[in-house]
Amino acid sequence: NASVDESGSTSPGGLKKVITGPLLFAFIVGD
C-alpha cells in the first residue's frame, strides 16, 4: 500500500492523490 501511496496514483475505489507539499502546508496554515 505504501508503494501505491508514494506513486501519486489513485488506487481502485480510493481517493485521488492531488495534494502536494505547498498545498498541504497551506492547508495546515490556513486551518
PDB file of all heavy atoms in Angstrom:
ATOM      1  N   ASN A   1       0.816  -1.191   0.000  1.00  0.00           N
ATOM      2  CA  ASN A   1       0.000   0.000   0.000  1.00  0.00           C
ATOM      3  C   ASN A   1       0.854   1.247   0.000  1.00  0.00           C
ATOM      4  O   ASN A   1       0.490   2.262  -0.569  1.00  0.00           O
ATOM      5  CB  ASN A   1      -0.934   0.004   1.219  1.00  0.00           C
ATOM      6  CG  ASN A   1      -2.120  -0.910   1.005  1.00  0.00           C
ATOM      7  OD1 ASN A   1      -2.900  -0.732   0.080  1.00  0.00           O
ATOM      8  ND2 ASN A   1      -2.250  -1.912   1.855  1.00  0.00           N
ATOM      9  N   ALA A   2       2.013   1.196   0.687  1.00  0.00           N
ATOM     10  CA  ALA A   2       2.894   2.352   0.712  1.00  0.00           C
ATOM     11  C   ALA A   2       3.382   2.688  -0.682  1.00  0.00           C
ATOM     12  O   ALA A   2       3.498   3.843  -1.051  1.00  0.00           O
ATOM     13  CB  ALA A   2       4.078   2.086   1.647  1.00  0.00           C
ATOM     14  N   SER A   3       3.672   1.643  -1.491  1.00  0.00           N
ATOM     15  CA  SER A   3       4.130   1.914  -2.841  1.00  0.00           C
ATOM     16  C   SER A   3       3.069   2.600  -3.665  1.00  0.00           C
ATOM     17  O   SER A   3       3.352   3.463  -4.482  1.00  0.00           O
ATOM     18  CB  SER A   3       4.565   0.602  -3.517  1.00  0.00           C
ATOM     19  OG  SER A   3       3.451  -0.254  -3.708  1.00  0.00           O
ATOM     20  N   VAL A   4       1.827   2.231  -3.417  1.00  0.00           N
ATOM     21  CA  VAL A   4       0.741   2.912  -4.116  1.00  0.00           C
ATOM     22  C   VAL A   4       0.655   4.354  -3.659  1.00  0.00           C
ATOM     23  O   VAL A   4       0.503   5.275  -4.451  1.00  0.00           O
ATOM     24  CB  VAL A   4      -0.602   2.190  -3.852  1.00  0.00           C
ATOM     25  CG1 VAL A   4      -1.753   2.968  -4.453  1.00  0.00           C
ATOM     26  CG2 VAL A   4      -0.576   0.787  -4.427  1.00  0.00           C
ATOM     27  N   ASP A   5       0.800   4.566  -2.328  1.00  0.00           N
ATOM     28  CA  ASP A   5       0.698   5.906  -1.773  1.00  0.00           C
ATOM     29  C   ASP A   5       1.782   6.815  -2.332  1.00  0.00           C
ATOM     30  O   ASP A   5       1.563   7.982  -2.594  1.00  0.00           O
ATOM     31  CB  ASP A   5       0.806   5.862  -0.252  1.00  0.00           C
ATOM     32  CG  ASP A   5      -0.464   5.294   0.373  1.00  0.00           C
ATOM     33  OD1 ASP A   5      -1.529   5.373  -0.248  1.00  0.00           O
ATOM     34  OD2 ASP A   5      -0.344   4.766   1.476  1.00  0.00           O
ATOM     35  N   GLU A   6       3.007   6.270  -2.466  1.00  0.00           N
ATOM     36  CA  GLU A   6       4.107   7.091  -2.928  1.00  0.00           C
ATOM     37  C   GLU A   6       4.019   7.401  -4.416  1.00  0.00           C
ATOM     38  O   GLU A   6       4.620   8.332  -4.901  1.00  0.00           O
ATOM     39  CB  GLU A   6       5.443   6.386  -2.642  1.00  0.00           C
ATOM     40  CG  GLU A   6       5.741   6.214  -1.164  1.00  0.00           C
ATOM     41  CD  GLU A   6       5.958   7.527  -0.455  1.00  0.00           C
ATOM     42  OE1 GLU A   6       6.515   8.450  -1.065  1.00  0.00           O
ATOM     43  OE2 GLU A   6       5.567   7.655   0.705  1.00  0.00           O
ATOM     44  N   SER A   7       3.276   6.618  -5.140  1.00  0.00           N
ATOM     45  CA  SER A   7       3.263   6.776  -6.594  1.00  0.00           C
ATOM     46  C   SER A   7       2.491   7.981  -7.054  1.00  0.00           C
ATOM     47  O   SER A   7       2.695   8.476  -8.160  1.00  0.00           O
ATOM     48  CB  SER A   7       2.667   5.523  -7.248  1.00  0.00           C
ATOM     49  OG  SER A   7       1.285   5.440  -6.945  1.00  0.00           O
ATOM     50  N   GLY A   8       1.565   8.441  -6.227  1.00  0.00           N
ATOM     51  CA  GLY A   8       0.745   9.581  -6.606  1.00  0.00           C
ATOM     52  C   GLY A   8      -0.438   9.205  -7.447  1.00  0.00           C
ATOM     53  O   GLY A   8      -1.148  10.072  -7.958  1.00  0.00           O
ATOM     54  N   SER A   9      -0.721   7.914  -7.639  1.00  0.00           N
ATOM     55  CA  SER A   9      -1.865   7.492  -8.429  1.00  0.00           C
ATOM     56  C   SER A   9      -3.057   7.232  -7.544  1.00  0.00           C
ATOM     57  O   SER A   9      -2.964   7.318  -6.330  1.00  0.00           O
ATOM     58  CB  SER A   9      -1.507   6.219  -9.207  1.00  0.00           C
ATOM     59  OG  SER A   9      -1.220   5.177  -8.312  1.00  0.00           O
ATOM     60  N   THR A  10      -4.168   6.902  -8.154  1.00  0.00           N
ATOM     61  CA  THR A  10      -5.379   6.592  -7.398  1.00  0.00           C
ATOM     62  C   THR A  10      -5.602   5.100  -7.402  1.00  0.00           C
ATOM     63  O   THR A  10      -5.681   4.481  -8.450  1.00  0.00           O
ATOM     64  CB  THR A  10      -6.603   7.288  -8.039  1.00  0.00           C
ATOM     65  OG1 THR A  10      -6.343   8.693  -8.112  1.00  0.00           O
ATOM     66  CG2 THR A  10      -7.843   7.055  -7.207  1.00  0.00           C
ATOM     67  N   SER A  11      -5.703   4.516  -6.204  1.00  0.00           N
ATOM     68  CA  SER A  11      -5.986   3.097  -6.116  1.00  0.00           C
ATOM     69  C   SER A  11      -7.444   2.852  -6.426  1.00  0.00           C
ATOM     70  O   SER A  11      -8.268   3.740  -6.272  1.00  0.00           O
ATOM     71  CB  SER A  11      -5.646   2.586  -4.715  1.00  0.00           C
ATOM     72  OG  SER A  11      -6.387   3.283  -3.743  1.00  0.00           O
ATOM     73  N   PRO A  12      -7.803   1.627  -6.884  1.00  0.00           N
ATOM     74  CA  PRO A  12      -9.197   1.337  -7.214  1.00  0.00           C
ATOM     75  C   PRO A  12     -10.112   1.620  -6.037  1.00  0.00           C
ATOM     76  O   PRO A  12      -9.934   1.067  -4.965  1.00  0.00           O
ATOM     77  CB  PRO A  12      -9.159  -0.162  -7.572  1.00  0.00           C
ATOM     78  CG  PRO A  12      -7.744  -0.422  -7.985  1.00  0.00           C
ATOM     79  CD  PRO A  12      -6.916   0.484  -7.130  1.00  0.00           C
ATOM     80  N   GLY A  13     -11.097   2.473  -6.261  1.00  0.00           N
ATOM     81  CA  GLY A  13     -12.074   2.792  -5.227  1.00  0.00           C
ATOM     82  C   GLY A  13     -11.564   3.761  -4.194  1.00  0.00           C
ATOM     83  O   GLY A  13     -12.273   4.144  -3.278  1.00  0.00           O
ATOM     84  N   GLY A  14     -10.277   4.200  -4.299  1.00  0.00           N
ATOM     85  CA  GLY A  14      -9.714   5.090  -3.312  1.00  0.00           C
ATOM     86  C   GLY A  14      -9.864   6.550  -3.687  1.00  0.00           C
ATOM     87  O   GLY A  14     -10.559   6.904  -4.638  1.00  0.00           O
ATOM     88  N   LEU A  15      -9.191   7.407  -2.906  1.00  0.00           N
ATOM     89  CA  LEU A  15      -9.257   8.836  -3.151  1.00  0.00           C
ATOM     90  C   LEU A  15      -8.115   9.268  -4.062  1.00  0.00           C
ATOM     91  O   LEU A  15      -7.047   8.674  -4.077  1.00  0.00           O
ATOM     92  CB  LEU A  15      -9.194   9.589  -1.815  1.00  0.00           C
ATOM     93  CG  LEU A  15     -10.280   9.218  -0.798  1.00  0.00           C
ATOM     94  CD1 LEU A  15     -10.088  10.025   0.482  1.00  0.00           C
ATOM     95  CD2 LEU A  15     -11.672   9.440  -1.368  1.00  0.00           C
ATOM     96  N   LYS A  16      -8.350  10.327  -4.785  1.00  0.00           N
ATOM     97  CA  LYS A  16      -7.381  10.813  -5.753  1.00  0.00           C
ATOM     98  C   LYS A  16      -6.247  11.556  -5.064  1.00  0.00           C
ATOM     99  O   LYS A  16      -6.469  12.402  -4.204  1.00  0.00           O
ATOM    100  CB  LYS A  16      -8.071  11.743  -6.759  1.00  0.00           C
ATOM    101  CG  LYS A  16      -7.231  12.093  -7.969  1.00  0.00           C
ATOM    102  CD  LYS A  16      -8.052  12.879  -8.967  1.00  0.00           C
ATOM    103  CE  LYS A  16      -7.245  13.202 -10.219  1.00  0.00           C
ATOM    104  NZ  LYS A  16      -8.046  13.989 -11.186  1.00  0.00           N
ATOM    105  N   LYS A  17      -4.997  11.257  -5.476  1.00  0.00           N
ATOM    106  CA  LYS A  17      -3.827  11.863  -4.844  1.00  0.00           C
ATOM    107  C   LYS A  17      -3.470  13.155  -5.571  1.00  0.00           C
ATOM    108  O   LYS A  17      -2.817  13.143  -6.601  1.00  0.00           O
ATOM    109  CB  LYS A  17      -2.657  10.886  -4.868  1.00  0.00           C
ATOM    110  CG  LYS A  17      -2.904   9.671  -4.004  1.00  0.00           C
ATOM    111  CD  LYS A  17      -1.696   8.773  -3.985  1.00  0.00           C
ATOM    112  CE  LYS A  17      -1.920   7.633  -3.005  1.00  0.00           C
ATOM    113  NZ  LYS A  17      -2.150   8.106  -1.650  1.00  0.00           N
ATOM    114  N   VAL A  18      -3.890  14.267  -5.000  1.00  0.00           N
ATOM    115  CA  VAL A  18      -3.687  15.551  -5.661  1.00  0.00           C
ATOM    116  C   VAL A  18      -3.030  16.577  -4.745  1.00  0.00           C
ATOM    117  O   VAL A  18      -2.768  17.704  -5.162  1.00  0.00           O
ATOM    118  CB  VAL A  18      -5.032  16.121  -6.172  1.00  0.00           C
ATOM    119  CG1 VAL A  18      -5.615  15.221  -7.251  1.00  0.00           C
ATOM    120  CG2 VAL A  18      -6.021  16.274  -5.018  1.00  0.00           C
ATOM    121  N   ILE A  19      -2.726  16.220  -3.496  1.00  0.00           N
ATOM    122  CA  ILE A  19      -2.210  17.197  -2.537  1.00  0.00           C
ATOM    123  C   ILE A  19      -0.683  17.178  -2.551  1.00  0.00           C
ATOM    124  O   ILE A  19      -0.056  16.178  -2.224  1.00  0.00           O
ATOM    125  CB  ILE A  19      -2.719  16.895  -1.117  1.00  0.00           C
ATOM    126  CG1 ILE A  19      -4.247  16.862  -1.094  1.00  0.00           C
ATOM    127  CG2 ILE A  19      -2.201  17.946  -0.138  1.00  0.00           C
ATOM    128  CD1 ILE A  19      -4.827  16.502   0.255  1.00  0.00           C
ATOM    129  N   THR A  20      -0.099  18.312  -2.911  1.00  0.00           N
ATOM    130  CA  THR A  20       1.351  18.467  -2.936  1.00  0.00           C
ATOM    131  C   THR A  20       1.806  19.118  -1.633  1.00  0.00           C
ATOM    132  O   THR A  20       0.988  19.522  -0.793  1.00  0.00           O
ATOM    133  CB  THR A  20       1.776  19.332  -4.119  1.00  0.00           C
ATOM    134  OG1 THR A  20       1.158  20.626  -3.980  1.00  0.00           O
ATOM    135  CG2 THR A  20       1.329  18.715  -5.442  1.00  0.00           C
ATOM    136  N   GLY A  21       3.125  19.246  -1.462  1.00  0.00           N
ATOM    137  CA  GLY A  21       3.672  19.856  -0.262  1.00  0.00           C
ATOM    138  C   GLY A  21       3.156  21.266  -0.001  1.00  0.00           C
ATOM    139  O   GLY A  21       2.697  21.571   1.098  1.00  0.00           O
ATOM    140  N   PRO A  22       3.230  22.163  -1.004  1.00  0.00           N
ATOM    141  CA  PRO A  22       2.719  23.522  -0.783  1.00  0.00           C
ATOM    142  C   PRO A  22       1.232  23.557  -0.443  1.00  0.00           C
ATOM    143  O   PRO A  22       0.810  24.346   0.406  1.00  0.00           O
ATOM    144  CB  PRO A  22       2.992  24.206  -2.130  1.00  0.00           C
ATOM    145  CG  PRO A  22       4.156  23.473  -2.695  1.00  0.00           C
ATOM    146  CD  PRO A  22       3.943  22.043  -2.292  1.00  0.00           C
ATOM    147  N   LEU A  23       0.434  22.704  -1.079  1.00  0.00           N
ATOM    148  CA  LEU A  23      -0.991  22.672  -0.757  1.00  0.00           C
ATOM    149  C   LEU A  23      -1.226  22.190   0.663  1.00  0.00           C
ATOM    150  O   LEU A  23      -2.074  22.722   1.397  1.00  0.00           O
ATOM    151  CB  LEU A  23      -1.735  21.762  -1.737  1.00  0.00           C
ATOM    152  CG  LEU A  23      -2.175  22.366  -3.074  1.00  0.00           C
ATOM    153  CD1 LEU A  23      -2.865  21.311  -3.932  1.00  0.00           C
ATOM    154  CD2 LEU A  23      -3.080  23.561  -2.872  1.00  0.00           C
ATOM    155  N   LEU A  24      -0.466  21.171   1.099  1.00  0.00           N
ATOM    156  CA  LEU A  24      -0.623  20.663   2.450  1.00  0.00           C
ATOM    157  C   LEU A  24      -0.177  21.702   3.471  1.00  0.00           C
ATOM    158  O   LEU A  24      -0.836  21.902   4.505  1.00  0.00           O
ATOM    159  CB  LEU A  24       0.191  19.379   2.629  1.00  0.00           C
ATOM    160  CG  LEU A  24       0.034  18.679   3.987  1.00  0.00           C
ATOM    161  CD1 LEU A  24      -1.407  18.253   4.217  1.00  0.00           C
ATOM    162  CD2 LEU A  24       0.967  17.476   4.071  1.00  0.00           C
ATOM    163  N   PHE A  25       0.927  22.379   3.206  1.00  0.00           N
ATOM    164  CA  PHE A  25       1.402  23.452   4.083  1.00  0.00           C
ATOM    165  C   PHE A  25       0.335  24.537   4.207  1.00  0.00           C
ATOM    166  O   PHE A  25       0.015  24.993   5.309  1.00  0.00           O
ATOM    167  CB  PHE A  25       2.700  24.036   3.533  1.00  0.00           C
ATOM    168  CG  PHE A  25       3.201  25.242   4.289  1.00  0.00           C
ATOM    169  CD1 PHE A  25       3.951  25.083   5.449  1.00  0.00           C
ATOM    170  CD2 PHE A  25       2.921  26.525   3.852  1.00  0.00           C
ATOM    171  CE1 PHE A  25       4.418  26.186   6.154  1.00  0.00           C
ATOM    172  CE2 PHE A  25       3.378  27.636   4.550  1.00  0.00           C
ATOM    173  CZ  PHE A  25       4.132  27.469   5.696  1.00  0.00           C
ATOM    174  N   ALA A  26      -0.229  24.928   3.068  1.00  0.00           N
ATOM    175  CA  ALA A  26      -1.269  25.954   3.078  1.00  0.00           C
ATOM    176  C   ALA A  26      -2.511  25.459   3.807  1.00  0.00           C
ATOM    177  O   ALA A  26      -3.193  26.225   4.497  1.00  0.00           O
ATOM    178  CB  ALA A  26      -1.627  26.362   1.646  1.00  0.00           C
ATOM    179  N   PHE A  27      -2.820  24.174   3.643  1.00  0.00           N
ATOM    180  CA  PHE A  27      -3.969  23.580   4.326  1.00  0.00           C
ATOM    181  C   PHE A  27      -3.819  23.742   5.840  1.00  0.00           C
ATOM    182  O   PHE A  27      -4.728  24.211   6.525  1.00  0.00           O
ATOM    183  CB  PHE A  27      -4.050  22.093   3.960  1.00  0.00           C
ATOM    184  CG  PHE A  27      -5.222  21.363   4.564  1.00  0.00           C
ATOM    185  CD1 PHE A  27      -6.362  21.122   3.834  1.00  0.00           C
ATOM    186  CD2 PHE A  27      -5.178  20.892   5.876  1.00  0.00           C
ATOM    187  CE1 PHE A  27      -7.445  20.444   4.384  1.00  0.00           C
ATOM    188  CE2 PHE A  27      -6.243  20.214   6.439  1.00  0.00           C
ATOM    189  CZ  PHE A  27      -7.379  19.990   5.683  1.00  0.00           C
ATOM    190  N   ILE A  28      -2.651  23.383   6.378  1.00  0.00           N
ATOM    191  CA  ILE A  28      -2.445  23.433   7.827  1.00  0.00           C
ATOM    192  C   ILE A  28      -2.365  24.880   8.314  1.00  0.00           C
ATOM    193  O   ILE A  28      -2.978  25.247   9.321  1.00  0.00           O
ATOM    194  CB  ILE A  28      -1.179  22.658   8.222  1.00  0.00           C
ATOM    195  CG1 ILE A  28      -1.266  21.211   7.734  1.00  0.00           C
ATOM    196  CG2 ILE A  28      -0.997  22.665   9.739  1.00  0.00           C
ATOM    197  CD1 ILE A  28       0.012  20.406   7.946  1.00  0.00           C
ATOM    198  N   VAL A  29      -1.617  25.714   7.589  1.00  0.00           N
ATOM    199  CA  VAL A  29      -1.512  27.120   7.979  1.00  0.00           C
ATOM    200  C   VAL A  29      -2.877  27.798   7.921  1.00  0.00           C
ATOM    201  O   VAL A  29      -3.288  28.494   8.846  1.00  0.00           O
ATOM    202  CB  VAL A  29      -0.516  27.876   7.073  1.00  0.00           C
ATOM    203  CG1 VAL A  29      -0.605  29.377   7.310  1.00  0.00           C
ATOM    204  CG2 VAL A  29       0.902  27.401   7.342  1.00  0.00           C
ATOM    205  N   GLY A  30      -3.597  27.548   6.826  1.00  0.00           N
ATOM    206  CA  GLY A  30      -4.907  28.171   6.668  1.00  0.00           C
ATOM    207  C   GLY A  30      -5.888  27.711   7.723  1.00  0.00           C
ATOM    208  O   GLY A  30      -6.642  28.514   8.285  1.00  0.00           O
ATOM    209  N   ASP A  31      -5.872  26.424   8.011  1.00  0.00           N
ATOM    210  CA  ASP A  31      -6.769  25.873   9.020  1.00  0.00           C
ATOM    211  C   ASP A  31      -6.428  26.438  10.388  1.00  0.00           C
ATOM    212  O   ASP A  31      -7.294  26.816  11.175  1.00  0.00           O
ATOM    213  CB  ASP A  31      -6.646  24.348   9.033  1.00  0.00           C
ATOM    214  CG  ASP A  31      -7.827  23.694   9.723  1.00  0.00           C
ATOM    215  OD1 ASP A  31      -8.752  24.420  10.130  1.00  0.00           O
ATOM    216  OD2 ASP A  31      -7.822  22.465   9.849  1.00  0.00           O
TER     217      ASP A  31
END
